[in-house]
C-alpha cells in the first residue's frame, strides 16, 4: 500500500452513521430527517453517510420502490426524498452542528433506464449482440465500460456536481473494487480540488487504500458471523486479520460494523446474527483502531430486517433510544481520548482465555484497556501480566475507580465487556 492522498484533518478518530432515508421516517424524505440530526449530534455522530440520494430507475425495478443502487440520473435528487432545496437544507443542518455529510456513489453500474443508456450507450459494456450486460447477478442494473475515457470524465463531472453545488464532504463508493483504481485516483484528484474530502470504499482490497481513507472489514465481519453460530466463540480465526489491519495505521484504516443496509436486509439484524453478543461486538467495532459505523436504528435497537425494495419504517418511539447512552459513551471516548487519534498504538493482549479478546490502546499518558468475553454461558477470568498497566483507571460504563498493578486479573460475565480509561 502506498497512500497517495492525505486524510482530511477531521477524519482522525471519526465515526460514521449510515442514514437510510426511505426507512428512517414515515415520510421517508429529507425534511423528516431534520429533527433527528440534533439527537445524532448529541449521541456523538460525526459523519452522516447518506444512502443514494439519486432517482431510481423504473425499467427492471425490483419490488415497489426499487433498489437505491439502480440510479437513473447522477445529478438529480430522488423526488421521493425531496428536491435540491430540501437536500441543501439537510446538508446545512448537518454542517451547522459541526458534523460532516457524505453521499453514496454507485460508479460500477446504473439502472436500466439511466439517461446515459439513451444519450451515451457507448458508455456501457455490451455483449456480442450489442446488448447491455451485467456481470454480478444484479438483474436491475447494467455495467459501465471503464475503457471509455469519455464515460470516466462524465462520471467525475457528476461527482464534482455534488461537491460544488451542495458542499458535501465526501463519498462512500459502492462496490469500489469493481471499478479500476486508476479511475478512483483521477476522481479523487479532481474532486479534492474543490475541497478536501473523505473517501470510503466498499471493498476489502487494501490496494484501494492507496486512494481511499477507509475500506470495509469484510473478512472480519464474515469471520464473526461464522463464530456467532457457536455457543462458545473460538476467536482464533480473527487474530491474523486484526494484526494485519493494524499494519494499515495511521495512513488508512478499516471500517468496523455489526450492521449496515446490506447486512440488515439480507443477513439479519445484529441481534439476529450475534444474539446476546451484539453489544459485545459493538464495543469492539467502536473501540478497535479504525472507524466505527452505526446503521440507522441500531441505537433503538432495531431488531427487524428492513425490506430492501419496499417501505418498511424504523419503529421510533417518543422516548430516547435505549442504546443512545451506550453509543454516546463509546463515541465520546473516541472523541476525547488521544488513543483514538493520530499515531495509534494498539496491542492485543494475551489473557490465557480462548474466549476473551483484550487490547490496550496507548498514546502518551492516555491509556484505554478493553476486555470482551465472547462466551455466551461462562464467566471468564483474564490474567494479564507484564503489560505496564500500573495506574488509576475509571470504568467507562460504571464510573467506578480502580488502581491496577503490573499483573492484574479481571472477571468478565458471559457476553460481558469492560472498558477502563486511565485517569491519573
Protein backbone atom coordinates (compact mmCIF):
# COMPACT_ATOMS: atom_id res chain seq x y z
CA UNK A 1 0.00 0.00 0.00
CA UNK A 2 1.30 3.45 -0.93
CA UNK A 3 -1.02 6.17 0.32
CA UNK A 4 -1.48 8.82 -2.39
CA UNK A 5 -3.77 11.27 -0.57
CA UNK A 6 -3.69 12.71 2.97
CA UNK A 7 -6.58 12.09 5.32
CA UNK A 8 -8.73 15.16 5.98
CA UNK A 9 -7.94 16.73 9.35
CA UNK A 10 -11.39 15.88 10.75
CA UNK A 11 -11.03 12.23 9.75
CA UNK A 12 -8.82 11.30 12.69
CA UNK A 13 -10.75 9.33 15.31
CA UNK A 14 -14.03 9.91 13.49
CA UNK A 15 -17.15 7.75 13.19
CA UNK A 16 -19.87 7.19 10.57
CA UNK A 17 -23.65 6.87 10.82
CA UNK A 18 -25.44 5.38 7.80
CA UNK A 19 -28.75 7.11 7.03
CA UNK A 20 -31.47 5.16 5.21
CA UNK A 21 -33.79 7.98 4.15
CA UNK A 22 -36.57 5.70 2.86
CA UNK A 23 -36.94 3.76 6.09
CA UNK A 24 -35.94 6.34 8.69
CA UNK A 25 -39.33 8.07 8.99
CA UNK A 26 -42.95 7.63 7.93
CA UNK A 27 -42.47 10.39 5.37
CA UNK A 28 -39.24 8.91 4.05
CA UNK A 29 -37.83 12.26 2.95
CA UNK A 30 -35.09 14.77 3.79
CA UNK A 31 -37.37 17.16 5.67
CA UNK A 32 -38.42 14.43 8.09
CA UNK A 33 -34.77 13.68 8.88
CA UNK A 34 -34.09 17.18 10.21
CA UNK A 35 -35.48 16.63 13.76
CA UNK A 36 -33.17 13.61 14.16
CA UNK A 37 -29.93 15.46 13.37
CA UNK A 38 -29.54 17.14 16.81
CA UNK A 39 -30.15 13.78 18.51
CA UNK A 40 -27.41 12.16 16.43
CA UNK A 41 -25.07 15.04 17.24
CA UNK A 42 -25.78 14.59 20.94
CA UNK A 43 -25.06 10.85 20.59
CA UNK A 44 -21.62 11.71 19.23
CA UNK A 45 -22.07 11.07 15.49
CA UNK A 46 -19.53 12.94 13.35
CA UNK A 47 -20.13 11.83 9.76
CA UNK A 48 -23.55 11.08 8.27
CA UNK A 49 -23.42 8.80 5.25
CA UNK A 50 -26.49 9.22 3.10
CA UNK A 51 -27.51 6.15 1.14
CA UNK A 52 -28.02 7.07 -2.56
CA UNK A 53 -29.96 10.29 -2.97
CA UNK A 54 -30.34 9.96 -6.75
CA UNK A 55 -33.55 8.80 -8.52
CA UNK A 56 -34.21 5.09 -9.03
CA UNK A 57 -34.76 3.51 -12.44
CA UNK A 58 -38.23 2.32 -13.40
CA UNK A 59 -37.10 -0.22 -16.01
CA UNK A 60 -36.22 -3.50 -14.34
CA UNK A 61 -37.24 -2.13 -10.94
CA UNK A 62 -37.35 -4.71 -8.17
CA UNK A 63 -40.32 -4.56 -5.83
CA UNK A 64 -42.44 -1.45 -5.50
CA UNK A 65 -39.75 1.13 -4.79
CA UNK A 66 -36.68 -0.47 -6.32
CA UNK A 67 -33.04 -0.59 -5.26
CA UNK A 68 -31.39 2.56 -4.01
CA UNK A 69 -28.38 1.43 -6.09
CA UNK A 70 -30.12 1.42 -9.51
CA UNK A 71 -29.59 5.07 -10.43
CA UNK A 72 -31.39 6.74 -13.35
CA UNK A 73 -29.58 10.10 -13.22
CA UNK A 74 -26.34 11.01 -11.45
CA UNK A 75 -27.07 14.71 -10.96
CA UNK A 76 -30.67 14.92 -9.76
CA UNK A 77 -32.44 14.27 -6.46
CA UNK A 78 -34.77 11.33 -5.94
CA UNK A 79 -38.17 13.12 -5.90
CA UNK A 80 -39.38 10.69 -3.23
CA UNK A 81 -36.89 12.36 -0.87
CA UNK A 82 -37.49 15.98 -1.84
CA UNK A 83 -35.80 18.50 -4.12
CA UNK A 84 -32.47 20.32 -4.26
CA UNK A 85 -33.53 22.85 -1.66
CA UNK A 86 -34.54 20.09 0.74
CA UNK A 87 -31.20 18.35 0.35
CA UNK A 88 -29.28 21.60 0.70
CA UNK A 89 -31.21 22.32 3.89
CA UNK A 90 -30.23 18.91 5.26
CA UNK A 91 -26.56 19.49 4.40
CA UNK A 92 -26.67 22.89 6.07
CA UNK A 93 -28.33 21.45 9.17
CA UNK A 94 -25.60 18.84 9.48
CA UNK A 95 -22.85 21.42 8.95
CA UNK A 96 -24.38 23.87 11.42
CA UNK A 97 -23.84 21.32 14.19
CA UNK A 98 -20.21 20.71 13.25
CA UNK A 99 -20.89 17.37 11.57
CA UNK A 100 -19.99 16.17 8.08
CA UNK A 101 -22.13 14.55 5.38
CA UNK A 102 -21.06 12.15 2.63
CA UNK A 103 -23.13 10.51 -0.09
CA UNK A 104 -23.24 7.02 -1.55
CA UNK A 105 -21.79 6.83 -5.07
CA UNK A 106 -22.53 3.92 -7.41
CA UNK A 107 -19.91 4.01 -10.17
CA UNK A 108 -19.84 0.39 -11.38
CA UNK A 109 -23.34 0.30 -12.85
CA UNK A 110 -26.54 2.26 -13.41
CA UNK A 111 -30.22 1.42 -13.56
CA UNK A 112 -31.53 0.01 -16.82
CA UNK A 113 -33.10 3.30 -17.92
CA UNK A 114 -30.39 5.69 -16.77
CA UNK A 115 -30.28 8.72 -19.05
CA UNK A 116 -26.90 7.59 -20.42
CA UNK A 117 -28.46 4.42 -21.87
CA UNK A 118 -30.15 6.74 -24.40
CA UNK A 119 -27.75 9.66 -24.72
CA UNK A 120 -24.48 7.71 -24.47
CA UNK A 121 -25.00 3.97 -24.99
CA UNK A 122 -21.27 3.74 -25.78
CA UNK A 123 -20.62 4.29 -22.07
CA UNK A 124 -21.79 0.73 -21.31
CA UNK A 125 -20.44 -2.80 -21.52
CA UNK A 126 -22.18 -4.83 -24.23
CA UNK A 127 -22.34 -8.43 -25.37
CA UNK A 128 -21.65 -9.68 -28.89
CA UNK A 129 -25.18 -8.74 -29.95
CA UNK A 130 -24.78 -5.17 -28.68
CA UNK A 131 -26.99 -5.61 -25.61
CA UNK A 132 -26.21 -4.01 -22.27
CA UNK A 133 -24.79 -6.53 -19.78
CA UNK A 134 -24.40 -7.00 -16.04
CA UNK A 135 -21.74 -9.38 -14.67
CA UNK A 136 -22.55 -9.76 -10.98
CA UNK A 137 -26.09 -11.12 -10.90
CA UNK A 138 -27.86 -7.83 -10.13
CA UNK A 139 -30.68 -8.06 -12.63
CA UNK A 140 -31.94 -4.49 -12.26
CA UNK A 141 -28.73 -2.73 -13.39
CA UNK A 142 -26.28 -2.57 -16.33
CA UNK A 143 -22.49 -2.24 -16.18
CA UNK A 144 -20.48 0.77 -17.28
CA UNK A 145 -17.42 0.47 -19.53
CA UNK A 146 -14.32 1.88 -17.85
CA UNK A 147 -12.24 1.59 -21.00
CA UNK A 148 -14.27 4.56 -22.29
CA UNK A 149 -12.45 7.71 -21.17
CA UNK A 150 -15.38 9.97 -22.05
CA UNK A 151 -17.53 7.99 -19.62
CA UNK A 152 -14.87 8.33 -16.92
CA UNK A 153 -14.77 12.08 -17.39
CA UNK A 154 -18.56 12.33 -17.31
CA UNK A 155 -18.62 10.32 -14.08
CA UNK A 156 -16.09 12.62 -12.44
CA UNK A 157 -18.04 15.68 -13.58
CA UNK A 158 -21.14 14.19 -11.97
CA UNK A 159 -19.31 13.60 -8.71
CA UNK A 160 -17.95 17.15 -8.65
CA UNK A 161 -21.50 18.42 -9.11
CA UNK A 162 -22.44 17.27 -5.61
CA UNK A 163 -19.34 18.79 -4.04
CA UNK A 164 -19.69 22.14 -5.81
CA UNK A 165 -23.49 22.53 -5.64
CA UNK A 166 -24.25 21.04 -2.24
CA UNK A 167 -20.96 21.25 -0.33
CA UNK A 168 -20.93 17.56 0.61
CA UNK A 169 -17.84 16.31 2.45
CA UNK A 170 -17.03 13.05 0.68
CA UNK A 171 -18.16 9.80 -0.83
CA UNK A 172 -18.89 6.24 0.21
CA UNK A 173 -18.15 4.35 -3.01
CA UNK A 174 -20.32 1.31 -3.66
CA UNK A 175 -18.53 -1.90 -4.73
CA UNK A 176 -15.38 0.15 -5.27
CA UNK A 177 -13.24 -2.87 -6.19
CA UNK A 178 -15.32 -3.47 -9.34
CA UNK A 179 -14.07 -0.13 -10.70
CA UNK A 180 -10.40 0.35 -11.73
CA UNK A 181 -8.33 2.02 -9.05
CA UNK A 182 -6.97 4.37 -11.70
CA UNK A 183 -10.44 5.86 -12.04
CA UNK A 184 -10.73 6.48 -8.31
CA UNK A 185 -7.33 8.15 -8.29
CA UNK A 186 -8.46 10.50 -11.07
CA UNK A 187 -11.81 11.13 -9.38
CA UNK A 188 -10.25 11.99 -6.05
CA UNK A 189 -7.63 14.22 -7.67
CA UNK A 190 -10.34 16.26 -9.40
CA UNK A 191 -12.95 16.30 -6.65
CA UNK A 192 -10.46 17.20 -3.92
CA UNK A 193 -9.62 20.35 -5.87
CA UNK A 194 -12.97 21.74 -4.72
CA UNK A 195 -12.33 20.89 -1.04
CA UNK A 196 -10.54 18.14 0.89
CA UNK A 197 -12.93 15.17 1.02
CA UNK A 198 -13.32 11.93 2.95
CA UNK A 199 -13.37 8.76 0.81
CA UNK A 200 -14.70 5.39 1.97
CA UNK A 201 -14.61 2.23 -0.17
CA UNK A 202 -16.96 -0.72 -0.06
CA UNK A 203 -14.29 -3.36 -0.56
CA UNK A 204 -11.73 -5.30 1.46
CA UNK A 205 -8.89 -4.99 -1.07
CA UNK A 206 -6.19 -3.00 0.67
CA UNK A 207 -4.68 -1.85 -2.61
CA UNK A 208 -7.62 0.54 -2.81
CA UNK A 209 -6.38 2.23 0.34
CA UNK A 210 -3.79 3.91 -1.88
CA UNK A 211 -6.69 6.19 -2.80
CA UNK A 212 -9.34 5.69 -0.10
CA UNK A 213 -9.16 6.65 3.57
CA UNK A 214 -11.03 3.57 4.81
CA UNK A 215 -12.42 0.33 3.45
CA UNK A 216 -14.64 -2.44 4.75
CA UNK A 217 -13.52 -5.08 7.26
CA UNK A 218 -15.45 -7.71 5.30
CA UNK A 219 -13.22 -10.66 6.20
CA UNK A 220 -13.52 -9.84 9.89
CA UNK A 221 -17.29 -9.50 9.60
CA UNK A 222 -17.67 -12.85 7.83
CA UNK A 223 -15.45 -14.50 10.44
CA UNK A 224 -17.55 -13.08 13.29
CA UNK A 225 -20.73 -14.27 11.59
CA UNK A 226 -19.29 -17.79 11.48
CA UNK A 227 -18.14 -17.62 15.09
CA UNK A 228 -21.53 -16.45 16.33
CA UNK A 229 -23.04 -19.79 15.32
CA UNK A 230 -21.13 -21.48 18.15
CA UNK A 231 -22.19 -21.20 21.80
CA UNK A 232 -18.57 -20.63 22.84
CA UNK A 233 -16.83 -18.45 20.29
CA UNK A 234 -13.42 -19.51 19.04
CA UNK A 235 -11.59 -16.24 18.45
CA UNK A 236 -8.52 -17.73 16.75
CA UNK A 237 -9.68 -17.01 13.14
CA UNK A 238 -9.83 -13.26 13.69
CA UNK A 239 -6.43 -12.61 15.28
CA UNK A 240 -4.46 -12.77 12.00
CA UNK A 241 -6.99 -10.38 10.44
CA UNK A 242 -6.74 -7.89 13.30
CA UNK A 243 -2.94 -7.92 13.28
CA UNK A 244 -2.94 -7.39 9.52
CA UNK A 245 -5.38 -4.48 9.79
CA UNK A 246 -3.30 -2.80 12.48
CA UNK A 247 -0.45 -2.56 9.97
CA UNK A 248 -2.54 -0.15 7.87
CA UNK A 249 -2.38 2.55 10.53
CA UNK A 250 -2.05 5.51 10.61
CA UNK A 251 -2.39 6.27 6.89
CA UNK A 252 -5.58 4.27 6.31
CA UNK A 253 -7.88 2.01 8.27
CA UNK A 254 -10.81 -0.37 8.31
CA UNK A 255 -14.49 0.42 8.74
CA UNK A 256 -15.88 -1.76 11.57
CA UNK A 257 -19.59 -2.54 11.81
CA UNK A 258 -22.08 -5.07 13.10
CA UNK A 259 -24.79 -3.94 10.67
CA UNK A 260 -25.38 -1.89 7.55
CA UNK A 261 -28.08 -1.74 4.88
CA UNK A 262 -26.97 -4.97 3.18
CA UNK A 263 -26.28 -6.91 6.36
CA UNK A 264 -29.57 -5.94 7.94
CA UNK A 265 -31.80 -6.64 4.94
CA UNK A 266 -30.14 -9.80 3.63
CA UNK A 267 -28.42 -11.44 6.62
CA UNK A 268 -30.44 -10.12 9.55
CA UNK A 269 -30.11 -7.51 12.26
CA UNK A 270 -27.08 -7.66 14.54
CA UNK A 271 -29.30 -9.36 17.14
CA UNK A 272 -30.37 -11.99 14.65
CA UNK A 273 -26.74 -12.64 13.73
CA UNK A 274 -24.96 -12.24 17.05
CA UNK A 275 -27.72 -12.69 19.62
CA UNK A 276 -26.51 -11.75 23.10
CA UNK A 277 -23.09 -10.88 21.69
CA UNK A 278 -24.46 -7.97 19.63
CA UNK A 279 -23.39 -5.32 22.13
CA UNK A 280 -20.09 -7.07 22.82
CA UNK A 281 -19.19 -6.87 19.15
CA UNK A 282 -20.47 -3.27 19.07
CA UNK A 283 -17.95 -2.33 21.76
CA UNK A 284 -15.20 -3.94 19.73
CA UNK A 285 -16.29 -2.27 16.48
CA UNK A 286 -16.39 1.14 18.15
CA UNK A 287 -13.09 0.99 20.07
CA UNK A 288 -10.72 -1.11 17.97
CA UNK A 289 -8.47 1.14 15.84
CA UNK A 290 -10.27 2.20 12.69
CA UNK A 291 -13.62 3.85 12.02
CA UNK A 292 -16.87 2.57 13.53
CA UNK A 293 -20.09 2.52 11.52
CA UNK A 294 -23.55 2.64 13.09
CA UNK A 295 -26.53 1.86 10.87
CA UNK A 296 -29.92 3.56 11.03
CA UNK A 297 -31.84 2.38 14.09
CA UNK A 298 -29.07 0.43 15.82
CA UNK A 299 -29.38 2.83 18.73
CA UNK A 300 -33.00 1.72 19.33
CA UNK A 301 -32.03 -1.14 18.88
CA UNK A 302 -33.86 -2.12 15.68
CA UNK A 303 -34.49 -5.87 15.85
CA UNK A 304 -36.06 -6.43 12.42
CA UNK A 305 -34.80 -6.83 8.90
CA UNK A 306 -35.73 -3.76 6.87
CA UNK A 307 -37.22 -4.59 3.47
CA UNK A 308 -34.87 -3.53 0.68
CA UNK A 309 -37.31 -2.77 -2.13
CA UNK A 310 -40.39 -1.73 -0.12
CA UNK A 311 -41.34 0.80 2.53
CA UNK A 312 -40.51 -0.62 5.96
CA UNK A 313 -40.24 2.15 8.51
CA UNK A 314 -37.92 2.04 11.51
CA UNK A 315 -40.12 1.97 14.61
CA UNK A 316 -39.01 5.02 16.59
CA UNK A 317 -40.79 5.95 19.81
CA UNK A 318 -41.12 9.24 21.70
CA UNK A 319 -38.52 8.06 24.18
CA UNK A 320 -34.78 8.40 23.79
CA UNK A 321 -33.43 5.28 22.04
CA UNK A 322 -32.46 2.60 24.54
CA UNK A 323 -28.84 2.40 23.36
CA UNK A 324 -28.35 6.14 22.90
CA UNK A 325 -26.23 6.46 26.05
CA UNK A 326 -24.34 3.24 25.25
CA UNK A 327 -23.18 4.61 21.90
CA UNK A 328 -22.69 8.09 23.31
CA UNK A 329 -20.26 6.79 25.93
CA UNK A 330 -18.24 4.94 23.31
CA UNK A 331 -18.22 7.75 20.75
CA UNK A 332 -17.38 10.43 23.32
CA UNK A 333 -14.43 8.34 24.50
CA UNK A 334 -13.16 8.13 20.92
CA UNK A 335 -13.51 11.90 20.55
CA UNK A 336 -11.93 12.95 23.84
CA UNK A 337 -9.10 10.44 24.24
CA UNK A 338 -5.92 10.79 22.18
CA UNK A 339 -5.62 6.99 21.97
CA UNK A 340 -8.06 7.16 19.04
CA UNK A 341 -6.40 10.00 17.17
CA UNK A 342 -3.04 10.13 15.39
CA UNK A 343 -0.26 7.53 15.67
CA UNK A 344 -2.48 4.96 17.36
CA UNK A 345 -0.63 2.37 19.43
CA UNK A 346 -2.65 -0.80 19.95
CA UNK A 347 -1.55 -4.11 21.41
CA UNK A 348 -3.68 -7.24 21.51
CA UNK A 349 -3.23 -8.75 24.98
CA UNK A 350 -2.75 -12.36 25.98
CA UNK A 351 -5.32 -13.27 28.63
CA UNK A 352 -4.95 -17.07 28.81
CA UNK A 353 -8.63 -17.43 27.91
CA UNK A 354 -9.74 -18.61 24.44
CA UNK A 355 -12.97 -16.63 24.77
CA UNK A 356 -11.60 -13.23 25.76
CA UNK A 357 -10.44 -10.60 23.29
CA UNK A 358 -8.47 -7.88 25.04
CA UNK A 359 -6.47 -4.96 23.70
CA UNK A 360 -4.68 -1.92 25.05
CA UNK A 361 -4.60 1.48 23.37
CA UNK A 362 -1.92 3.98 24.38
CA UNK A 363 -0.91 7.50 23.38
CA UNK A 364 1.45 9.25 25.77
CA UNK A 365 -0.14 9.16 29.21
CA UNK A 366 -3.55 8.23 27.82
CA UNK A 367 -4.39 4.54 28.02
CA UNK A 368 -7.54 2.51 27.39
CA UNK A 369 -7.98 -1.19 28.19
CA UNK A 370 -10.78 -3.19 26.56
CA UNK A 371 -11.75 -6.73 27.61
CA UNK A 372 -14.54 -8.64 25.86
CA UNK A 373 -15.93 -12.05 26.83
CA UNK A 374 -17.35 -13.93 23.83
CA UNK A 375 -18.52 -16.92 25.82
CA UNK A 376 -22.30 -16.86 25.99
CA UNK A 377 -22.61 -19.02 29.08
CA UNK A 378 -19.36 -18.91 31.07
CA UNK A 379 -17.77 -16.24 33.24
CA UNK A 380 -14.17 -15.88 32.16
CA UNK A 381 -11.04 -14.85 34.03
CA UNK A 382 -8.48 -12.75 32.18
CA UNK A 383 -4.97 -12.83 33.59
CA UNK A 384 -2.81 -10.03 32.20
CA UNK A 385 0.84 -9.86 33.19
CA UNK A 386 3.76 -7.63 32.30
CA UNK A 387 1.76 -5.07 30.31
CA UNK A 388 2.58 -1.96 32.37
CA UNK A 389 -0.98 -1.39 33.47
CA UNK A 390 0.07 0.36 36.68
CA UNK A 391 -2.08 3.37 37.43
CA UNK A 392 -5.55 4.62 38.24
CA UNK A 393 -8.41 3.84 35.86
CA UNK A 394 -12.10 4.61 35.57
CA UNK A 395 -14.65 2.16 34.21
CA UNK A 396 -16.29 3.72 31.14
CA UNK A 397 -19.73 2.27 31.87
CA UNK A 398 -19.92 2.14 35.69
CA UNK A 399 -17.79 5.17 36.52
CA UNK A 400 -16.04 3.26 39.31
CA UNK A 401 -12.36 3.93 40.00
CA UNK A 402 -9.68 1.23 40.10
CA UNK A 403 -5.96 1.04 40.80
CA UNK A 404 -4.21 -1.56 38.65
CA UNK A 405 -0.87 -3.23 39.24
CA UNK A 406 1.56 -4.74 36.72
CA UNK A 407 -0.22 -8.09 36.96
CA UNK A 408 -3.99 -7.99 37.04
CA UNK A 409 -6.89 -10.43 36.99
CA UNK A 410 -10.27 -9.49 35.51
CA UNK A 411 -13.54 -11.43 35.90
CA UNK A 412 -15.93 -10.93 32.99
CA UNK A 413 -19.54 -12.12 32.86
CA UNK A 414 -20.81 -14.08 29.83
CA UNK A 415 -21.03 -11.74 26.80
CA UNK A 416 -19.62 -9.03 29.07
CA UNK A 417 -17.44 -6.07 28.17
CA UNK A 418 -15.12 -3.99 30.34
CA UNK A 419 -13.57 -0.69 29.27
CA UNK A 420 -11.10 1.08 31.55
CA UNK A 421 -9.75 4.58 30.90
CA UNK A 422 -6.59 5.74 32.64
CA UNK A 423 -7.44 8.64 34.93
CA UNK A 424 -4.12 9.71 36.51
